[in-house]
Amino acid sequence: MKSGVSSVFSKTRTILEMIKFEHSVFALPFAYMGAFLAADGMPGLSEIFWITLAMVGARSFAMSVNRLIDREIDGRNPRTKNRTLPRGILREREVFLFILVSFSVFILSIWQLAPLTRKLWPLVVIPFIIYPYTKRFTWSSHFLLGLCLGLAPVGAWVAIRDGVALLPFLLGGAVLFWVAGFDIVYACQDLEVDKGQKLFSMPANFGIHKALRVTAFLHVLTVLLFLVVGVLAHAGLFFFLGVVAVAALLAYENRLVSPNDLSKVNEAFFTTNGFISVLMFLFTATDYFWRG
């Protein structure tokens, strides 16, 4: 009995490692941010619960699909060859089963939210399935990944308001540009491998120098869109202080990496971006609570 339970825990830990569960911090705070904007304050606890579960299900589905589709590519990349699927630690059917479970959690969750989510959910899932293939034929895959995460605040808005509006799409656009920018930075470390496998990315197609300039431009657009969201939402001081903090972190992130020094890519990708999403949400929530 104990060995069976231990085996389940071990397998669960392996699966969570495969999907990098801790990276949920990138999109989840922006889903909460979209929910706060939609509710014009604190959403109901039930809504928060089901939005959280929907986000976890959707992201787990997306990451598992990505790992399954890219298993052969990952196996030929020195940076990713030790992932669970290339090493055979997980079998394909186990990952496929987890995909079904994650999708079921997502569907169950959205059925507890506003009725419009039950009609629009394919628009969320389709980009998740298309994205892993795009690096095989276009360098614009960074932007599709950004779209996948940028849908988080839009989905949360729909889940609360049962409708669509311009504001969540502007927030989703900010997230899209932010994610596309830091994904370009991340892709710099696979430049030679991508060229060798005839894969497409901004660094592989245009060189690291031009790619990093695009990242800087995208992050400027991110800050500008956050400012527009704040103005349209009639946000208060704390929201705009959050934008200032995000702008400072993005400037720091862009200074960490240069064409001649990629040693701090992980610091730029994981640490800095984790702070950005959490801080932006915390400043947004504080702004609403402060204004009563």
Protein backbone atom coordinates (compact mmCIF):
# COMPACT_ATOMS: atom_id res chain seq x y z
CA MET A 1 0.00 0.00 0.00
CA LYS A 2 2.75 2.43 1.02
CA SER A 3 4.76 1.63 -2.10
CA GLY A 4 1.67 2.27 -4.25
CA VAL A 5 1.06 5.66 -2.65
CA SER A 6 4.74 6.50 -2.96
CA SER A 7 4.64 5.56 -6.65
CA VAL A 8 1.64 7.85 -7.24
CA PHE A 9 3.36 10.77 -5.49
CA SER A 10 6.55 10.14 -7.45
CA LYS A 11 4.70 10.04 -10.77
CA THR A 12 2.77 13.20 -9.87
CA ARG A 13 6.00 14.98 -8.97
CA THR A 14 7.51 13.90 -12.30
CA ILE A 15 4.50 15.20 -14.24
CA LEU A 16 4.58 18.54 -12.40
CA GLU A 17 8.27 18.79 -13.23
CA MET A 18 7.48 18.09 -16.89
CA ILE A 19 4.96 20.93 -17.16
CA LYS A 20 7.00 23.29 -14.95
CA PHE A 21 3.98 23.85 -12.71
CA GLU A 22 5.71 26.72 -10.89
CA HIS A 23 5.64 28.75 -14.12
CA SER A 24 1.89 29.20 -13.63
CA VAL A 25 3.00 32.40 -11.92
CA PHE A 26 3.41 33.98 -15.38
CA ALA A 27 -0.24 33.93 -16.46
CA LEU A 28 -2.35 33.30 -13.35
CA PRO A 29 -1.84 36.75 -11.77
CA PHE A 30 -2.99 38.37 -15.01
CA ALA A 31 -6.10 36.20 -15.00
CA TYR A 32 -6.81 37.52 -11.49
CA MET A 33 -6.09 41.03 -12.73
CA GLY A 34 -8.65 40.58 -15.51
CA ALA A 35 -11.16 39.30 -12.96
CA PHE A 36 -10.61 42.34 -10.71
CA LEU A 37 -11.07 44.72 -13.63
CA ALA A 38 -14.24 42.90 -14.72
CA ALA A 39 -15.73 42.93 -11.23
CA ASP A 40 -14.49 46.48 -10.59
CA GLY A 41 -13.17 45.13 -7.31
CA MET A 42 -12.92 41.78 -5.56
CA PRO A 43 -14.62 38.96 -7.50
CA GLY A 44 -16.59 36.32 -5.62
CA LEU A 45 -14.60 33.54 -3.98
CA SER A 46 -16.42 30.93 -6.05
CA GLU A 47 -15.48 32.73 -9.25
CA ILE A 48 -11.85 33.02 -8.14
CA PHE A 49 -11.77 29.30 -7.32
CA TRP A 50 -13.12 28.19 -10.69
CA ILE A 51 -10.99 30.67 -12.63
CA THR A 52 -7.93 29.31 -10.81
CA LEU A 53 -8.87 25.72 -11.57
CA ALA A 54 -9.61 26.57 -15.21
CA MET A 55 -6.21 28.25 -15.51
CA VAL A 56 -4.41 25.29 -13.94
CA GLY A 57 -6.24 22.86 -16.22
CA ALA A 58 -5.62 24.96 -19.34
CA ARG A 59 -1.93 25.51 -18.64
CA SER A 60 -1.34 21.86 -17.72
CA PHE A 61 -3.07 20.84 -20.96
CA ALA A 62 -1.01 23.30 -23.01
CA MET A 63 2.35 22.35 -21.52
CA SER A 64 1.69 18.62 -21.79
CA VAL A 65 0.66 18.95 -25.44
CA ASN A 66 3.79 21.02 -26.09
CA ARG A 67 6.07 18.47 -24.44
CA LEU A 68 4.43 15.57 -26.30
CA ILE A 69 4.64 17.22 -29.72
CA ASP A 70 8.23 18.45 -29.16
CA ARG A 71 9.60 15.24 -27.61
CA GLU A 72 11.87 14.43 -30.59
CA ILE A 73 13.08 18.01 -30.98
CA ASP A 74 13.80 18.17 -27.24
CA GLY A 75 15.74 14.94 -27.44
CA ARG A 76 18.14 16.45 -30.00
CA ASN A 77 18.75 19.63 -27.99
CA PRO A 78 21.53 19.42 -25.34
CA ARG A 79 19.58 21.88 -23.14
CA THR A 80 16.35 19.85 -23.19
CA LYS A 81 17.46 16.26 -23.80
CA ASN A 82 17.14 15.45 -20.08
CA ARG A 83 13.45 16.30 -19.95
CA THR A 84 11.19 13.48 -18.83
CA LEU A 85 9.86 12.39 -22.23
CA PRO A 86 13.17 12.28 -24.13
CA ARG A 87 14.71 10.32 -21.24
CA GLY A 88 11.79 7.89 -21.14
CA ILE A 89 10.93 8.68 -17.51
CA LEU A 90 7.36 9.25 -18.66
CA ARG A 91 5.70 7.26 -21.40
CA GLU A 92 3.69 8.92 -24.15
CA ARG A 93 0.46 7.28 -23.04
CA GLU A 94 0.95 8.62 -19.51
CA VAL A 95 1.35 12.14 -20.85
CA PHE A 96 -1.69 11.67 -23.10
CA LEU A 97 -3.72 10.55 -20.08
CA PHE A 98 -2.61 13.66 -18.18
CA ILE A 99 -3.66 15.77 -21.18
CA LEU A 100 -7.16 14.27 -20.98
CA VAL A 101 -7.36 14.87 -17.22
CA SER A 102 -6.16 18.48 -17.59
CA PHE A 103 -8.65 19.14 -20.37
CA SER A 104 -11.44 17.67 -18.25
CA VAL A 105 -10.52 19.93 -15.33
CA PHE A 106 -10.57 22.93 -17.67
CA ILE A 107 -13.99 22.05 -19.14
CA LEU A 108 -15.48 21.28 -15.72
CA SER A 109 -14.25 24.63 -14.43
CA ILE A 110 -15.55 26.81 -17.23
CA TRP A 111 -18.95 25.15 -16.94
CA GLN A 112 -19.16 26.66 -13.43
CA LEU A 113 -18.54 30.17 -14.78
CA ALA A 114 -20.46 32.57 -17.02
CA PRO A 115 -22.38 30.89 -19.89
CA LEU A 116 -20.37 32.62 -22.63
CA THR A 117 -17.24 30.74 -21.54
CA ARG A 118 -18.96 27.52 -22.60
CA LYS A 119 -19.16 28.81 -26.16
CA LEU A 120 -15.74 30.44 -26.44
CA TRP A 121 -13.49 27.78 -24.86
CA PRO A 122 -12.30 26.37 -28.25
CA LEU A 123 -10.72 29.78 -28.97
CA VAL A 124 -8.51 29.17 -25.94
CA VAL A 125 -7.60 25.56 -26.67
CA ILE A 126 -6.86 25.86 -30.41
CA PRO A 127 -3.79 28.15 -30.01
CA PHE A 128 -2.41 25.73 -27.40
CA ILE A 129 -2.43 22.94 -29.98
CA ILE A 130 -1.14 25.04 -32.89
CA TYR A 131 1.72 26.74 -31.02
CA PRO A 132 4.14 23.77 -30.74
CA TYR A 133 4.08 23.32 -34.53
CA THR A 134 4.71 26.97 -35.45
CA LYS A 135 8.45 26.89 -34.68
CA ARG A 136 8.72 24.43 -37.56
CA PHE A 137 7.72 27.02 -40.17
CA THR A 138 7.66 30.58 -38.76
CA TRP A 139 9.69 32.83 -36.45
CA SER A 140 6.41 34.40 -35.27
CA SER A 141 5.87 31.48 -32.85
CA HIS A 142 6.90 33.84 -30.01
CA PHE A 143 3.77 35.88 -30.65
CA LEU A 144 1.48 32.86 -30.66
CA LEU A 145 2.92 31.85 -27.28
CA GLY A 146 2.20 35.40 -26.14
CA LEU A 147 -1.36 35.02 -27.38
CA CYS A 148 -1.78 31.81 -25.39
CA LEU A 149 -0.92 33.61 -22.14
CA GLY A 150 -2.58 36.85 -23.19
CA LEU A 151 -5.92 35.05 -23.33
CA ALA A 152 -5.80 34.64 -19.52
CA PRO A 153 -7.15 38.10 -18.57
CA VAL A 154 -9.63 38.00 -21.47
CA GLY A 155 -10.99 34.66 -20.31
CA ALA A 156 -11.25 35.84 -16.72
CA TRP A 157 -13.14 38.95 -17.85
CA VAL A 158 -15.61 36.82 -19.83
CA ALA A 159 -15.99 34.49 -16.84
CA ILE A 160 -17.05 37.44 -14.65
CA ARG A 161 -18.94 39.71 -17.07
CA ASP A 162 -20.37 37.09 -19.45
CA GLY A 163 -19.39 39.40 -22.30
CA VAL A 164 -16.47 40.97 -24.13
CA ALA A 165 -15.06 44.49 -24.10
CA LEU A 166 -12.01 46.40 -25.29
CA LEU A 167 -10.31 46.65 -21.88
CA PRO A 168 -9.43 42.96 -21.36
CA PHE A 169 -8.09 42.73 -24.92
CA LEU A 170 -5.77 45.66 -24.25
CA LEU A 171 -4.57 43.93 -21.09
CA GLY A 172 -4.22 40.69 -23.04
CA GLY A 173 -2.20 42.59 -25.64
CA ALA A 174 0.17 43.83 -22.94
CA VAL A 175 0.66 40.25 -21.75
CA LEU A 176 1.12 39.05 -25.35
CA PHE A 177 3.94 41.55 -26.02
CA TRP A 178 5.54 40.87 -22.63
CA VAL A 179 5.58 37.10 -23.17
CA ALA A 180 6.71 37.31 -26.80
CA GLY A 181 9.55 39.57 -25.70
CA PHE A 182 10.91 37.33 -22.98
CA ASP A 183 10.41 34.21 -25.11
CA ILE A 184 12.68 35.79 -27.74
CA VAL A 185 15.30 36.26 -25.01
CA TYR A 186 14.90 32.62 -23.96
CA ALA A 187 15.28 31.44 -27.56
CA CYS A 188 18.70 33.10 -27.83
CA GLN A 189 20.32 30.21 -25.97
CA ASP A 190 19.11 27.73 -28.63
CA LEU A 191 20.36 29.72 -31.61
CA GLU A 192 22.77 27.14 -33.05
CA VAL A 193 20.55 24.17 -32.19
CA ASP A 194 17.55 25.77 -33.89
CA LYS A 195 19.60 26.44 -37.01
CA GLY A 196 20.85 22.86 -36.98
CA GLN A 197 17.32 21.47 -36.70
CA LYS A 198 15.95 24.00 -39.22
CA LEU A 199 13.63 25.47 -36.61
CA PHE A 200 12.44 29.05 -36.69
CA SER A 201 12.90 31.71 -34.04
CA MET A 202 13.63 35.41 -33.98
CA PRO A 203 17.30 34.90 -32.95
CA ALA A 204 17.85 32.07 -35.45
CA ASN A 205 16.33 34.03 -38.33
CA PHE A 206 17.58 37.56 -37.66
CA GLY A 207 20.44 37.18 -35.19
CA ILE A 208 20.62 37.85 -31.47
CA HIS A 209 21.29 41.59 -31.77
CA LYS A 210 18.14 42.30 -33.81
CA ALA A 211 16.10 39.86 -31.73
CA LEU A 212 16.98 41.63 -28.48
CA ARG A 213 16.07 44.98 -30.02
CA VAL A 214 12.66 43.55 -30.88
CA THR A 215 12.30 42.39 -27.27
CA ALA A 216 13.04 45.89 -25.99
CA PHE A 217 10.46 47.36 -28.38
CA LEU A 218 7.82 44.81 -27.35
CA HIS A 219 8.40 45.58 -23.69
CA VAL A 220 7.94 49.29 -24.34
CA LEU A 221 4.60 48.42 -25.93
CA THR A 222 3.78 46.34 -22.85
CA VAL A 223 4.24 49.31 -20.54
CA LEU A 224 2.26 51.61 -22.84
CA LEU A 225 -0.67 49.20 -22.94
CA PHE A 226 -0.64 48.87 -19.15
CA LEU A 227 -0.89 52.67 -18.97
CA VAL A 228 -3.81 52.68 -21.42
CA VAL A 229 -5.57 49.98 -19.38
CA GLY A 230 -5.12 52.08 -16.25
CA VAL A 231 -6.55 55.20 -17.89
CA LEU A 232 -9.57 53.39 -19.38
CA ALA A 233 -10.24 51.59 -16.07
CA HIS A 234 -9.99 54.91 -14.15
CA ALA A 235 -7.33 53.27 -11.98
CA GLY A 236 -5.78 55.01 -9.01
CA LEU A 237 -2.26 55.74 -7.83
CA PHE A 238 -1.32 52.19 -6.82
CA PHE A 239 -2.10 50.79 -10.27
CA PHE A 240 0.22 53.29 -11.94
CA LEU A 241 2.90 52.67 -9.31
CA GLY A 242 2.64 49.03 -10.38
CA VAL A 243 3.20 50.05 -13.99
CA VAL A 244 6.29 52.02 -12.94
CA ALA A 245 7.60 48.98 -11.05
CA VAL A 246 6.99 46.74 -14.08
CA ALA A 247 8.73 49.22 -16.37
CA ALA A 248 11.77 49.21 -14.07
CA LEU A 249 11.86 45.40 -14.00
CA LEU A 250 11.55 45.17 -17.77
CA ALA A 251 14.39 47.66 -18.19
CA TYR A 252 16.48 45.56 -15.79
CA GLU A 253 15.56 42.36 -17.66
CA ASN A 254 16.64 43.84 -20.98
CA ARG A 255 19.97 44.92 -19.48
CA LEU A 256 20.70 41.42 -18.15
CA VAL A 257 21.16 39.91 -21.59
CA SER A 258 23.33 41.12 -24.45
CA PRO A 259 24.47 39.56 -27.75
CA ASN A 260 27.86 38.90 -26.14
CA ASP A 261 26.61 37.60 -22.78
CA LEU A 262 23.74 35.13 -22.45
CA SER A 263 24.82 33.87 -19.03
CA LYS A 264 21.88 35.54 -17.27
CA VAL A 265 19.08 34.35 -19.55
CA ASN A 266 17.52 32.22 -16.81
CA GLU A 267 17.59 35.10 -14.34
CA ALA A 268 15.91 37.32 -16.92
CA PHE A 269 13.38 34.67 -17.93
CA PHE A 270 12.33 33.08 -14.66
CA THR A 271 13.06 35.39 -11.73
CA THR A 272 12.36 38.81 -13.20
CA ASN A 273 9.23 37.80 -15.11
CA GLY A 274 7.81 36.00 -12.09
CA PHE A 275 8.05 39.25 -10.14
CA ILE A 276 6.46 41.24 -12.96
CA SER A 277 3.19 39.29 -13.10
CA VAL A 278 2.78 39.03 -9.34
CA LEU A 279 3.61 42.69 -8.68
CA MET A 280 1.25 43.97 -11.37
CA PHE A 281 -1.61 42.00 -9.87
CA LEU A 282 -0.80 42.99 -6.29
CA PHE A 283 -0.67 46.68 -7.20
CA THR A 284 -3.98 46.32 -9.06
CA ALA A 285 -5.68 44.59 -6.12
CA THR A 286 -4.24 47.14 -3.66
CA ASP A 287 -5.55 49.95 -5.85
CA TYR A 288 -9.10 48.59 -5.68
CA PHE A 289 -8.97 47.92 -1.95
CA TRP A 290 -7.47 51.37 -1.28
CA ARG A 291 -10.25 53.09 -3.19
CA GLY A 292 -12.81 51.05 -1.28
